[in-house]
Amino acid sequence: MEEMVIKRPSPLFHKMGDNMWFIFFMSLFCDPYINSIKINNETIVLDVFFMDKKCGDINITKEKITSIISCGIKSFKGLMRREEMKFEYRDGNFIIINTITGKRILKIKCPLEIYEKLKYNEK
């Protein structure tokens, strides 16, 4: 007589390989950061990295700021009017603040040199 085994689907985390566990674990303790800046006539693009891999970008034009960031469990997606936002740099972080509400929209690690280049070229 044959024995019948019914397998139940395993939870998501059981399906993840060792590499996925590592990324999940590291995303709890590591933060994404701005690694580079690209400037052309119309757009400024900030490349966002996590654990030495690109995981998103922030695009800045005169009219809007768009961003798609997906770094481990930390993700952010946004479309903002440029006129309603201001940029700040504090404690090694690039910060986008809504000027109407005063709320911080995004805070991400950034080298001072990149922020200074951004501020110089956004005008």
PDB file of N, CA and C in Angstrom:
ATOM      1  N   MET A   1       0.834  -1.170   0.000  1.00  0.00           N
ATOM      2  CA  MET A   1       0.000   0.000   0.000  1.00  0.00           C
ATOM      3  C   MET A   1       0.887   1.245   0.000  1.00  0.00           C
ATOM      4  N   GLU A   2       0.577   2.198  -0.877  1.00  0.00           N
ATOM      5  CA  GLU A   2       1.355   3.415  -0.977  1.00  0.00           C
ATOM      6  C   GLU A   2       0.891   4.437   0.047  1.00  0.00           C
ATOM      7  N   GLU A   3       1.865   5.174   0.547  1.00  0.00           N
ATOM      8  CA  GLU A   3       1.558   6.213   1.515  1.00  0.00           C
ATOM      9  C   GLU A   3       1.389   7.535   0.778  1.00  0.00           C
ATOM     10  N   MET A   4       0.353   8.254   1.060  1.00  0.00           N
ATOM     11  CA  MET A   4       0.084   9.527   0.408  1.00  0.00           C
ATOM     12  C   MET A   4       0.494  10.663   1.340  1.00  0.00           C
ATOM     13  N   VAL A   5       1.299  11.557   0.829  1.00  0.00           N
ATOM     14  CA  VAL A   5       1.745  12.712   1.604  1.00  0.00           C
ATOM     15  C   VAL A   5       1.180  13.963   0.958  1.00  0.00           C
ATOM     16  N   ILE A   6       0.508  14.735   1.749  1.00  0.00           N
ATOM     17  CA  ILE A   6      -0.045  15.997   1.261  1.00  0.00           C
ATOM     18  C   ILE A   6       0.859  17.113   1.748  1.00  0.00           C
ATOM     19  N   LYS A   7       1.417  17.847   0.793  1.00  0.00           N
ATOM     20  CA  LYS A   7       2.302  18.950   1.146  1.00  0.00           C
ATOM     21  C   LYS A   7       1.509  20.251   1.168  1.00  0.00           C
ATOM     22  N   ARG A   8       1.720  20.971   2.214  1.00  0.00           N
ATOM     23  CA  ARG A   8       1.088  22.283   2.316  1.00  0.00           C
ATOM     24  C   ARG A   8       2.060  23.325   1.795  1.00  0.00           C
ATOM     25  N   PRO A   9       1.536  24.363   1.198  1.00  0.00           N
ATOM     26  CA  PRO A   9       2.442  25.418   0.735  1.00  0.00           C
ATOM     27  C   PRO A   9       3.173  26.021   1.936  1.00  0.00           C
ATOM     28  N   SER A  10       4.446  26.230   1.769  1.00  0.00           N
ATOM     29  CA  SER A  10       5.218  26.802   2.868  1.00  0.00           C
ATOM     30  C   SER A  10       5.075  28.317   2.862  1.00  0.00           C
ATOM     31  N   PRO A  11       5.242  28.929   4.017  1.00  0.00           N
ATOM     32  CA  PRO A  11       5.162  30.392   4.082  1.00  0.00           C
ATOM     33  C   PRO A  11       6.250  31.034   3.225  1.00  0.00           C
ATOM     34  N   LEU A  12       6.064  32.296   2.945  1.00  0.00           N
ATOM     35  CA  LEU A  12       6.976  33.038   2.090  1.00  0.00           C
ATOM     36  C   LEU A  12       8.425  32.899   2.526  1.00  0.00           C
ATOM     37  N   PHE A  13       8.690  33.068   3.804  1.00  0.00           N
ATOM     38  CA  PHE A  13      10.073  33.063   4.266  1.00  0.00           C
ATOM     39  C   PHE A  13      10.729  31.691   4.123  1.00  0.00           C
ATOM     40  N   HIS A  14       9.962  30.632   4.115  1.00  0.00           N
ATOM     41  CA  HIS A  14      10.547  29.311   3.915  1.00  0.00           C
ATOM     42  C   HIS A  14      10.964  29.110   2.465  1.00  0.00           C
ATOM     43  N   LYS A  15      10.336  29.833   1.560  1.00  0.00           N
ATOM     44  CA  LYS A  15      10.682  29.720   0.140  1.00  0.00           C
ATOM     45  C   LYS A  15      11.916  30.533  -0.213  1.00  0.00           C
ATOM     46  N   MET A  16      12.259  31.520   0.619  1.00  0.00           N
ATOM     47  CA  MET A  16      13.396  32.371   0.315  1.00  0.00           C
ATOM     48  C   MET A  16      14.692  31.600   0.528  1.00  0.00           C
ATOM     49  N   GLY A  17      15.625  31.789  -0.372  1.00  0.00           N
ATOM     50  CA  GLY A  17      16.936  31.171  -0.224  1.00  0.00           C
ATOM     51  C   GLY A  17      17.768  31.906   0.808  1.00  0.00           C
ATOM     52  N   ASP A  18      18.971  31.408   1.053  1.00  0.00           N
ATOM     53  CA  ASP A  18      19.858  32.031   2.033  1.00  0.00           C
ATOM     54  C   ASP A  18      20.176  33.476   1.673  1.00  0.00           C
ATOM     55  N   ASN A  19      20.335  33.759   0.383  1.00  0.00           N
ATOM     56  CA  ASN A  19      20.644  35.109  -0.048  1.00  0.00           C
ATOM     57  C   ASN A  19      19.495  36.063   0.275  1.00  0.00           C
ATOM     58  N   MET A  20      18.266  35.635   0.079  1.00  0.00           N
ATOM     59  CA  MET A  20      17.108  36.471   0.376  1.00  0.00           C
ATOM     60  C   MET A  20      17.005  36.740   1.876  1.00  0.00           C
ATOM     61  N   TRP A  21      17.310  35.759   2.698  1.00  0.00           N
ATOM     62  CA  TRP A  21      17.311  35.954   4.153  1.00  0.00           C
ATOM     63  C   TRP A  21      18.329  37.015   4.531  1.00  0.00           C
ATOM     64  N   PHE A  22      19.512  36.947   3.905  1.00  0.00           N
ATOM     65  CA  PHE A  22      20.573  37.901   4.197  1.00  0.00           C
ATOM     66  C   PHE A  22      20.126  39.312   3.851  1.00  0.00           C
ATOM     67  N   ILE A  23      19.538  39.488   2.669  1.00  0.00           N
ATOM     68  CA  ILE A  23      19.073  40.810   2.243  1.00  0.00           C
ATOM     69  C   ILE A  23      17.977  41.315   3.170  1.00  0.00           C
ATOM     70  N   PHE A  24      17.045  40.445   3.536  1.00  0.00           N
ATOM     71  CA  PHE A  24      15.965  40.827   4.453  1.00  0.00           C
ATOM     72  C   PHE A  24      16.548  41.279   5.788  1.00  0.00           C
ATOM     73  N   PHE A  25      17.466  40.496   6.330  1.00  0.00           N
ATOM     74  CA  PHE A  25      18.078  40.804   7.622  1.00  0.00           C
ATOM     75  C   PHE A  25      18.869  42.106   7.555  1.00  0.00           C
ATOM     76  N   MET A  26      19.682  42.259   6.505  1.00  0.00           N
ATOM     77  CA  MET A  26      20.508  43.455   6.379  1.00  0.00           C
ATOM     78  C   MET A  26      19.662  44.707   6.166  1.00  0.00           C
ATOM     79  N   SER A  27      18.516  44.590   5.497  1.00  0.00           N
ATOM     80  CA  SER A  27      17.690  45.765   5.257  1.00  0.00           C
ATOM     81  C   SER A  27      17.060  46.292   6.549  1.00  0.00           C
ATOM     82  N   LEU A  28      17.060  45.477   7.592  1.00  0.00           N
ATOM     83  CA  LEU A  28      16.581  45.951   8.887  1.00  0.00           C
ATOM     84  C   LEU A  28      17.586  46.907   9.523  1.00  0.00           C
ATOM     85  N   PHE A  29      18.869  46.721   9.222  1.00  0.00           N
ATOM     86  CA  PHE A  29      19.920  47.469   9.891  1.00  0.00           C
ATOM     87  C   PHE A  29      20.700  48.421   8.983  1.00  0.00           C
ATOM     88  N   CYS A  30      20.627  48.235   7.691  1.00  0.00           N
ATOM     89  CA  CYS A  30      21.355  49.086   6.745  1.00  0.00           C
ATOM     90  C   CYS A  30      20.382  50.040   6.064  1.00  0.00           C
ATOM     91  N   ASP A  31      20.889  51.194   5.725  1.00  0.00           N
ATOM     92  CA  ASP A  31      20.057  52.188   5.066  1.00  0.00           C
ATOM     93  C   ASP A  31      20.510  52.406   3.635  1.00  0.00           C
ATOM     94  N   PRO A  32      19.579  52.726   2.750  1.00  0.00           N
ATOM     95  CA  PRO A  32      19.971  53.099   1.388  1.00  0.00           C
ATOM     96  C   PRO A  32      20.705  54.439   1.418  1.00  0.00           C
ATOM     97  N   TYR A  33      21.450  54.727   0.362  1.00  0.00           N
ATOM     98  CA  TYR A  33      22.219  55.960   0.306  1.00  0.00           C
ATOM     99  C   TYR A  33      22.318  56.445  -1.142  1.00  0.00           C
ATOM    100  N   ILE A  34      22.532  57.743  -1.291  1.00  0.00           N
ATOM    101  CA  ILE A  34      22.731  58.319  -2.614  1.00  0.00           C
ATOM    102  C   ILE A  34      24.192  58.121  -2.980  1.00  0.00           C
ATOM    103  N   ASN A  35      24.407  57.494  -4.128  1.00  0.00           N
ATOM    104  CA  ASN A  35      25.760  57.136  -4.540  1.00  0.00           C
ATOM    105  C   ASN A  35      26.333  58.063  -5.610  1.00  0.00           C
ATOM    106  N   SER A  36      25.456  58.612  -6.458  1.00  0.00           N
ATOM    107  CA  SER A  36      25.962  59.454  -7.537  1.00  0.00           C
ATOM    108  C   SER A  36      24.893  60.431  -7.995  1.00  0.00           C
ATOM    109  N   ILE A  37      25.348  61.416  -8.763  1.00  0.00           N
ATOM    110  CA  ILE A  37      24.450  62.433  -9.311  1.00  0.00           C
ATOM    111  C   ILE A  37      24.755  62.593 -10.796  1.00  0.00           C
ATOM    112  N   LYS A  38      23.691  62.687 -11.597  1.00  0.00           N
ATOM    113  CA  LYS A  38      23.825  62.929 -13.037  1.00  0.00           C
ATOM    114  C   LYS A  38      23.043  64.196 -13.356  1.00  0.00           C
ATOM    115  N   ILE A  39      23.664  65.084 -14.104  1.00  0.00           N
ATOM    116  CA  ILE A  39      23.033  66.370 -14.397  1.00  0.00           C
ATOM    117  C   ILE A  39      23.018  66.592 -15.903  1.00  0.00           C
ATOM    118  N   ASN A  40      21.831  66.912 -16.441  1.00  0.00           N
ATOM    119  CA  ASN A  40      21.753  67.370 -17.824  1.00  0.00           C
ATOM    120  C   ASN A  40      20.938  68.659 -17.838  1.00  0.00           C
ATOM    121  N   ASN A  41      20.587  69.149 -18.993  1.00  0.00           N
ATOM    122  CA  ASN A  41      19.901  70.447 -19.087  1.00  0.00           C
ATOM    123  C   ASN A  41      18.568  70.489 -18.356  1.00  0.00           C
ATOM    124  N   GLU A  42      17.825  69.405 -18.395  1.00  0.00           N
ATOM    125  CA  GLU A  42      16.465  69.390 -17.864  1.00  0.00           C
ATOM    126  C   GLU A  42      16.306  68.668 -16.524  1.00  0.00           C
ATOM    127  N   THR A  43      17.167  67.701 -16.237  1.00  0.00           N
ATOM    128  CA  THR A  43      16.947  66.794 -15.113  1.00  0.00           C
ATOM    129  C   THR A  43      18.206  66.581 -14.284  1.00  0.00           C
ATOM    130  N   ILE A  44      17.990  66.448 -12.983  1.00  0.00           N
ATOM    131  CA  ILE A  44      19.035  65.995 -12.063  1.00  0.00           C
ATOM    132  C   ILE A  44      18.590  64.625 -11.560  1.00  0.00           C
ATOM    133  N   VAL A  45      19.463  63.631 -11.673  1.00  0.00           N
ATOM    134  CA  VAL A  45      19.132  62.275 -11.228  1.00  0.00           C
ATOM    135  C   VAL A  45      20.096  61.864 -10.122  1.00  0.00           C
ATOM    136  N   LEU A  46      19.523  61.486  -8.982  1.00  0.00           N
ATOM    137  CA  LEU A  46      20.302  60.964  -7.866  1.00  0.00           C
ATOM    138  C   LEU A  46      20.120  59.451  -7.845  1.00  0.00           C
ATOM    139  N   ASP A  47      21.208  58.702  -7.957  1.00  0.00           N
ATOM    140  CA  ASP A  47      21.133  57.235  -7.931  1.00  0.00           C
ATOM    141  C   ASP A  47      21.182  56.745  -6.490  1.00  0.00           C
ATOM    142  N   VAL A  48      20.228  55.901  -6.131  1.00  0.00           N
ATOM    143  CA  VAL A  48      20.131  55.360  -4.773  1.00  0.00           C
ATOM    144  C   VAL A  48      20.649  53.929  -4.774  1.00  0.00           C
ATOM    145  N   PHE A  49      21.502  53.626  -3.816  1.00  0.00           N
ATOM    146  CA  PHE A  49      22.105  52.297  -3.702  1.00  0.00           C
ATOM    147  C   PHE A  49      21.809  51.696  -2.337  1.00  0.00           C
ATOM    148  N   PHE A  50      21.867  50.375  -2.287  1.00  0.00           N
ATOM    149  CA  PHE A  50      21.720  49.623  -1.048  1.00  0.00           C
ATOM    150  C   PHE A  50      22.649  48.422  -1.145  1.00  0.00           C
ATOM    151  N   MET A  51      23.576  48.311  -0.217  1.00  0.00           N
ATOM    152  CA  MET A  51      24.539  47.206  -0.219  1.00  0.00           C
ATOM    153  C   MET A  51      25.265  47.125  -1.571  1.00  0.00           C
ATOM    154  N   ASP A  52      25.739  48.240  -2.078  1.00  0.00           N
ATOM    155  CA  ASP A  52      26.506  48.353  -3.317  1.00  0.00           C
ATOM    156  C   ASP A  52      25.755  47.979  -4.585  1.00  0.00           C
ATOM    157  N   LYS A  53      24.436  47.997  -4.549  1.00  0.00           N
ATOM    158  CA  LYS A  53      23.625  47.736  -5.746  1.00  0.00           C
ATOM    159  C   LYS A  53      22.600  48.853  -5.894  1.00  0.00           C
ATOM    160  N   LYS A  54      22.391  49.280  -7.139  1.00  0.00           N
ATOM    161  CA  LYS A  54      21.403  50.324  -7.390  1.00  0.00           C
ATOM    162  C   LYS A  54      20.011  49.789  -7.093  1.00  0.00           C
ATOM    163  N   CYS A  55      19.243  50.569  -6.341  1.00  0.00           N
ATOM    164  CA  CYS A  55      17.889  50.130  -5.990  1.00  0.00           C
ATOM    165  C   CYS A  55      16.851  51.228  -6.222  1.00  0.00           C
ATOM    166  N   GLY A  56      17.258  52.295  -6.890  1.00  0.00           N
ATOM    167  CA  GLY A  56      16.287  53.338  -7.174  1.00  0.00           C
ATOM    168  C   GLY A  56      16.941  54.630  -7.601  1.00  0.00           C
ATOM    169  N   ASP A  57      16.102  55.628  -7.818  1.00  0.00           N
ATOM    170  CA  ASP A  57      16.620  56.950  -8.169  1.00  0.00           C
ATOM    171  C   ASP A  57      15.611  58.024  -7.800  1.00  0.00           C
ATOM    172  N   ILE A  58      16.135  59.242  -7.739  1.00  0.00           N
ATOM    173  CA  ILE A  58      15.325  60.431  -7.485  1.00  0.00           C
ATOM    174  C   ILE A  58      15.574  61.364  -8.661  1.00  0.00           C
ATOM    175  N   ASN A  59      14.514  61.697  -9.397  1.00  0.00           N
ATOM    176  CA  ASN A  59      14.610  62.567 -10.573  1.00  0.00           C
ATOM    177  C   ASN A  59      14.028  63.937 -10.223  1.00  0.00           C
ATOM    178  N   ILE A  60      14.813  64.968 -10.470  1.00  0.00           N
ATOM    179  CA  ILE A  60      14.396  66.321 -10.117  1.00  0.00           C
ATOM    180  C   ILE A  60      14.394  67.183 -11.382  1.00  0.00           C
ATOM    181  N   THR A  61      13.231  67.774 -11.668  1.00  0.00           N
ATOM    182  CA  THR A  61      13.120  68.745 -12.754  1.00  0.00           C
ATOM    183  C   THR A  61      12.618  70.053 -12.140  1.00  0.00           C
ATOM    184  N   LYS A  62      12.441  71.076 -12.960  1.00  0.00           N
ATOM    185  CA  LYS A  62      11.925  72.348 -12.446  1.00  0.00           C
ATOM    186  C   LYS A  62      10.484  72.224 -11.969  1.00  0.00           C
ATOM    187  N   GLU A  63       9.740  71.274 -12.538  1.00  0.00           N
ATOM    188  CA  GLU A  63       8.321  71.125 -12.210  1.00  0.00           C
ATOM    189  C   GLU A  63       8.026  70.076 -11.142  1.00  0.00           C
ATOM    190  N   LYS A  64       8.809  68.977 -11.117  1.00  0.00           N
ATOM    191  CA  LYS A  64       8.445  67.873 -10.224  1.00  0.00           C
ATOM    192  C   LYS A  64       9.659  67.085  -9.737  1.00  0.00           C
ATOM    193  N   ILE A  65       9.407  66.305  -8.704  1.00  0.00           N
ATOM    194  CA  ILE A  65      10.383  65.358  -8.171  1.00  0.00           C
ATOM    195  C   ILE A  65       9.711  63.993  -8.199  1.00  0.00           C
ATOM    196  N   THR A  66      10.323  63.035  -8.872  1.00  0.00           N
ATOM    197  CA  THR A  66       9.792  61.675  -8.886  1.00  0.00           C
ATOM    198  C   THR A  66      10.847  60.749  -8.306  1.00  0.00           C
ATOM    199  N   SER A  67      10.385  59.754  -7.593  1.00  0.00           N
ATOM    200  CA  SER A  67      11.330  58.801  -7.022  1.00  0.00           C
ATOM    201  C   SER A  67      10.707  57.418  -6.916  1.00  0.00           C
ATOM    202  N   ILE A  68      11.539  56.439  -7.181  1.00  0.00           N
ATOM    203  CA  ILE A  68      11.179  55.043  -6.971  1.00  0.00           C
ATOM    204  C   ILE A  68      12.379  54.401  -6.305  1.00  0.00           C
ATOM    205  N   ILE A  69      12.194  53.998  -5.063  1.00  0.00           N
ATOM    206  CA  ILE A  69      13.271  53.387  -4.291  1.00  0.00           C
ATOM    207  C   ILE A  69      12.739  52.085  -3.707  1.00  0.00           C
ATOM    208  N   SER A  70      13.433  50.997  -3.963  1.00  0.00           N
ATOM    209  CA  SER A  70      13.045  49.703  -3.424  1.00  0.00           C
ATOM    210  C   SER A  70      14.319  48.977  -2.967  1.00  0.00           C
ATOM    211  N   CYS A  71      14.631  49.142  -1.695  1.00  0.00           N
ATOM    212  CA  CYS A  71      15.879  48.623  -1.132  1.00  0.00           C
ATOM    213  C   CYS A  71      15.564  47.671   0.014  1.00  0.00           C
ATOM    214  N   GLY A  72      15.573  46.374  -0.251  1.00  0.00           N
ATOM    215  CA  GLY A  72      15.220  45.413   0.792  1.00  0.00           C
ATOM    216  C   GLY A  72      13.778  45.632   1.202  1.00  0.00           C
ATOM    217  N   ILE A  73      13.552  45.811   2.505  1.00  0.00           N
ATOM    218  CA  ILE A  73      12.184  46.060   2.965  1.00  0.00           C
ATOM    219  C   ILE A  73      11.861  47.553   3.002  1.00  0.00           C
ATOM    220  N   LYS A  74      12.847  48.396   2.691  1.00  0.00           N
ATOM    221  CA  LYS A  74      12.625  49.833   2.690  1.00  0.00           C
ATOM    222  C   LYS A  74      12.314  50.292   1.274  1.00  0.00           C
ATOM    223  N   SER A  75      11.138  50.853   1.112  1.00  0.00           N
ATOM    224  CA  SER A  75      10.772  51.316  -0.220  1.00  0.00           C
ATOM    225  C   SER A  75      10.031  52.640  -0.125  1.00  0.00           C
ATOM    226  N   PHE A  76      10.101  53.392  -1.211  1.00  0.00           N
ATOM    227  CA  PHE A  76       9.456  54.701  -1.285  1.00  0.00           C
ATOM    228  C   PHE A  76       9.161  54.982  -2.746  1.00  0.00           C
ATOM    229  N   LYS A  77       7.973  55.469  -2.994  1.00  0.00           N
ATOM    230  CA  LYS A  77       7.585  55.845  -4.348  1.00  0.00           C
ATOM    231  C   LYS A  77       6.860  57.174  -4.225  1.00  0.00           C
ATOM    232  N   GLY A  78       7.266  58.140  -5.029  1.00  0.00           N
ATOM    233  CA  GLY A  78       6.620  59.429  -4.885  1.00  0.00           C
ATOM    234  C   GLY A  78       6.681  60.300  -6.118  1.00  0.00           C
ATOM    235  N   LEU A  79       5.707  61.174  -6.208  1.00  0.00           N
ATOM    236  CA  LEU A  79       5.638  62.204  -7.237  1.00  0.00           C
ATOM    237  C   LEU A  79       5.238  63.484  -6.505  1.00  0.00           C
ATOM    238  N   MET A  80       6.121  64.486  -6.551  1.00  0.00           N
ATOM    239  CA  MET A  80       5.895  65.713  -5.793  1.00  0.00           C
ATOM    240  C   MET A  80       6.096  66.928  -6.685  1.00  0.00           C
ATOM    241  N   ARG A  81       5.338  67.972  -6.424  1.00  0.00           N
ATOM    242  CA  ARG A  81       5.557  69.216  -7.149  1.00  0.00           C
ATOM    243  C   ARG A  81       6.786  69.901  -6.585  1.00  0.00           C
ATOM    244  N   ARG A  82       7.675  70.300  -7.464  1.00  0.00           N
ATOM    245  CA  ARG A  82       8.946  70.883  -7.029  1.00  0.00           C
ATOM    246  C   ARG A  82       8.743  72.166  -6.228  1.00  0.00           C
ATOM    247  N   GLU A  83       7.754  72.966  -6.619  1.00  0.00           N
ATOM    248  CA  GLU A  83       7.525  74.248  -5.940  1.00  0.00           C
ATOM    249  C   GLU A  83       7.082  74.087  -4.484  1.00  0.00           C
ATOM    250  N   GLU A  84       6.561  72.907  -4.131  1.00  0.00           N
ATOM    251  CA  GLU A  84       6.096  72.665  -2.759  1.00  0.00           C
ATOM    252  C   GLU A  84       7.148  71.977  -1.885  1.00  0.00           C
ATOM    253  N   MET A  85       8.339  71.736  -2.432  1.00  0.00           N
ATOM    254  CA  MET A  85       9.371  71.013  -1.702  1.00  0.00           C
ATOM    255  C   MET A  85      10.610  71.871  -1.507  1.00  0.00           C
ATOM    256  N   LYS A  86      11.296  71.620  -0.415  1.00  0.00           N
ATOM    257  CA  LYS A  86      12.604  72.247  -0.211  1.00  0.00           C
ATOM    258  C   LYS A  86      13.590  71.156   0.206  1.00  0.00           C
ATOM    259  N   PHE A  87      14.858  71.408  -0.091  1.00  0.00           N
ATOM    260  CA  PHE A  87      15.913  70.459   0.221  1.00  0.00           C
ATOM    261  C   PHE A  87      16.721  70.957   1.408  1.00  0.00           C
ATOM    262  N   GLU A  88      17.113  70.023   2.257  1.00  0.00           N
ATOM    263  CA  GLU A  88      17.999  70.334   3.373  1.00  0.00           C
ATOM    264  C   GLU A  88      19.050  69.245   3.478  1.00  0.00           C
ATOM    265  N   TYR A  89      20.132  69.585   4.162  1.00  0.00           N
ATOM    266  CA  TYR A  89      21.186  68.610   4.426  1.00  0.00           C
ATOM    267  C   TYR A  89      21.503  68.687   5.915  1.00  0.00           C
ATOM    268  N   ARG A  90      21.312  67.551   6.602  1.00  0.00           N
ATOM    269  CA  ARG A  90      21.545  67.509   8.040  1.00  0.00           C
ATOM    270  C   ARG A  90      22.144  66.168   8.448  1.00  0.00           C
ATOM    271  N   ASP A  91      23.203  66.200   9.206  1.00  0.00           N
ATOM    272  CA  ASP A  91      23.809  64.986   9.773  1.00  0.00           C
ATOM    273  C   ASP A  91      24.084  63.912   8.724  1.00  0.00           C
ATOM    274  N   GLY A  92      24.565  64.333   7.545  1.00  0.00           N
ATOM    275  CA  GLY A  92      24.898  63.371   6.499  1.00  0.00           C
ATOM    276  C   GLY A  92      23.707  62.848   5.720  1.00  0.00           C
ATOM    277  N   ASN A  93      22.566  63.528   5.841  1.00  0.00           N
ATOM    278  CA  ASN A  93      21.351  63.093   5.164  1.00  0.00           C
ATOM    279  C   ASN A  93      20.786  64.174   4.252  1.00  0.00           C
ATOM    280  N   PHE A  94      20.325  63.756   3.078  1.00  0.00           N
ATOM    281  CA  PHE A  94      19.580  64.598   2.151  1.00  0.00           C
ATOM    282  C   PHE A  94      18.116  64.479   2.560  1.00  0.00           C
ATOM    283  N   ILE A  95      17.471  65.620   2.771  1.00  0.00           N
ATOM    284  CA  ILE A  95      16.099  65.618   3.275  1.00  0.00           C
ATOM    285  C   ILE A  95      15.227  66.446   2.347  1.00  0.00           C
ATOM    286  N   ILE A  96      14.057  65.905   1.998  1.00  0.00           N
ATOM    287  CA  ILE A  96      13.056  66.635   1.220  1.00  0.00           C
ATOM    288  C   ILE A  96      11.904  66.947   2.165  1.00  0.00           C
ATOM    289  N   ILE A  97      11.555  68.236   2.250  1.00  0.00           N
ATOM    290  CA  ILE A  97      10.509  68.685   3.164  1.00  0.00           C
ATOM    291  C   ILE A  97       9.409  69.385   2.380  1.00  0.00           C
ATOM    292  N   ASN A  98       8.158  69.074   2.713  1.00  0.00           N
ATOM    293  CA  ASN A  98       7.011  69.743   2.113  1.00  0.00           C
ATOM    294  C   ASN A  98       6.877  71.125   2.754  1.00  0.00           C
ATOM    295  N   THR A  99       6.949  72.178   1.956  1.00  0.00           N
ATOM    296  CA  THR A  99       6.906  73.540   2.502  1.00  0.00           C
ATOM    297  C   THR A  99       5.518  73.941   2.982  1.00  0.00           C
ATOM    298  N   ILE A 100       4.482  73.260   2.507  1.00  0.00           N
ATOM    299  CA  ILE A 100       3.118  73.594   2.913  1.00  0.00           C
ATOM    300  C   ILE A 100       2.796  72.992   4.284  1.00  0.00           C
ATOM    301  N   THR A 101       3.113  71.710   4.452  1.00  0.00           N
ATOM    302  CA  THR A 101       2.792  71.033   5.716  1.00  0.00           C
ATOM    303  C   THR A 101       3.952  71.024   6.706  1.00  0.00           C
ATOM    304  N   GLY A 102       5.161  71.239   6.203  1.00  0.00           N
ATOM    305  CA  GLY A 102       6.336  71.178   7.067  1.00  0.00           C
ATOM    306  C   GLY A 102       6.799  69.761   7.355  1.00  0.00           C
ATOM    307  N   LYS A 103       6.155  68.776   6.738  1.00  0.00           N
ATOM    308  CA  LYS A 103       6.505  67.374   6.982  1.00  0.00           C
ATOM    309  C   LYS A 103       7.695  66.931   6.151  1.00  0.00           C
ATOM    310  N   ARG A 104       8.484  66.068   6.757  1.00  0.00           N
ATOM    311  CA  ARG A 104       9.614  65.467   6.043  1.00  0.00           C
ATOM    312  C   ARG A 104       9.075  64.365   5.137  1.00  0.00           C
ATOM    313  N   ILE A 105       9.373  64.470   3.853  1.00  0.00           N
ATOM    314  CA  ILE A 105       8.897  63.507   2.865  1.00  0.00           C
ATOM    315  C   ILE A 105       9.893  62.367   2.699  1.00  0.00           C
ATOM    316  N   LEU A 106      11.176  62.702   2.662  1.00  0.00           N
ATOM    317  CA  LEU A 106      12.206  61.691   2.429  1.00  0.00           C
ATOM    318  C   LEU A 106      13.482  62.102   3.139  1.00  0.00           C
ATOM    319  N   LYS A 107      14.136  61.124   3.738  1.00  0.00           N
ATOM    320  CA  LYS A 107      15.435  61.334   4.379  1.00  0.00           C
ATOM    321  C   LYS A 107      16.314  60.165   3.970  1.00  0.00           C
ATOM    322  N   ILE A 108      17.471  60.482   3.365  1.00  0.00           N
ATOM    323  CA  ILE A 108      18.342  59.423   2.863  1.00  0.00           C
ATOM    324  C   ILE A 108      19.805  59.864   2.987  1.00  0.00           C
ATOM    325  N   LYS A 109      20.669  58.925   3.315  1.00  0.00           N
ATOM    326  CA  LYS A 109      22.092  59.231   3.460  1.00  0.00           C
ATOM    327  C   LYS A 109      22.648  59.753   2.141  1.00  0.00           C
ATOM    328  N   CYS A 110      23.539  60.751   2.263  1.00  0.00           N
ATOM    329  CA  CYS A 110      24.075  61.389   1.058  1.00  0.00           C
ATOM    330  C   CYS A 110      25.396  62.073   1.382  1.00  0.00           C
ATOM    331  N   PRO A 111      26.420  61.889   0.546  1.00  0.00           N
ATOM    332  CA  PRO A 111      27.667  62.630   0.750  1.00  0.00           C
ATOM    333  C   PRO A 111      27.437  64.126   0.551  1.00  0.00           C
ATOM    334  N   LEU A 112      28.121  64.932   1.323  1.00  0.00           N
ATOM    335  CA  LEU A 112      27.977  66.383   1.232  1.00  0.00           C
ATOM    336  C   LEU A 112      28.315  66.902  -0.164  1.00  0.00           C
ATOM    337  N   GLU A 113      29.310  66.316  -0.830  1.00  0.00           N
ATOM    338  CA  GLU A 113      29.700  66.763  -2.169  1.00  0.00           C
ATOM    339  C   GLU A 113      28.548  66.632  -3.163  1.00  0.00           C
ATOM    340  N   ILE A 114      27.795  65.547  -3.066  1.00  0.00           N
ATOM    341  CA  ILE A 114      26.650  65.355  -3.972  1.00  0.00           C
ATOM    342  C   ILE A 114      25.567  66.379  -3.670  1.00  0.00           C
ATOM    343  N   TYR A 115      25.288  66.618  -2.394  1.00  0.00           N
ATOM    344  CA  TYR A 115      24.272  67.605  -2.036  1.00  0.00           C
ATOM    345  C   TYR A 115      24.663  69.001  -2.526  1.00  0.00           C
ATOM    346  N   GLU A 116      25.923  69.366  -2.355  1.00  0.00           N
ATOM    347  CA  GLU A 116      26.377  70.681  -2.807  1.00  0.00           C
ATOM    348  C   GLU A 116      26.254  70.830  -4.322  1.00  0.00           C
ATOM    349  N   LYS A 117      26.556  69.761  -5.060  1.00  0.00           N
ATOM    350  CA  LYS A 117      26.404  69.775  -6.524  1.00  0.00           C
ATOM    351  C   LYS A 117      24.925  69.931  -6.900  1.00  0.00           C
ATOM    352  N   LEU A 118      24.059  69.239  -6.167  1.00  0.00           N
ATOM    353  CA  LEU A 118      22.617  69.340  -6.400  1.00  0.00           C
ATOM    354  C   LEU A 118      22.131  70.776  -6.168  1.00  0.00           C
ATOM    355  N   LYS A 119      22.480  71.367  -5.048  1.00  0.00           N
ATOM    356  CA  LYS A 119      22.036  72.720  -4.727  1.00  0.00           C
ATOM    357  C   LYS A 119      22.552  73.736  -5.736  1.00  0.00           C
ATOM    358  N   TYR A 120      23.791  73.556  -6.192  1.00  0.00           N
ATOM    359  CA  TYR A 120      24.378  74.478  -7.156  1.00  0.00           C
ATOM    360  C   TYR A 120      23.661  74.385  -8.506  1.00  0.00           C
ATOM    361  N   ASN A 121      23.261  73.182  -8.908  1.00  0.00           N
ATOM    362  CA  ASN A 121      22.684  72.967 -10.241  1.00  0.00           C
ATOM    363  C   ASN A 121      21.169  73.017 -10.305  1.00  0.00           C
ATOM    364  N   GLU A 122      20.475  73.080  -9.180  1.00  0.00           N
ATOM    365  CA  GLU A 122      19.007  73.062  -9.224  1.00  0.00           C
ATOM    366  C   GLU A 122      18.407  74.399  -9.616  1.00  0.00           C
ATOM    367  N   LYS A 123      19.174  75.452  -9.612  1.00  0.00           N
ATOM    368  CA  LYS A 123      18.636  76.791  -9.901  1.00  0.00           C
ATOM    369  C   LYS A 123      18.363  77.019 -11.367  1.00  0.00           C
TER     370      LYS A 123
END
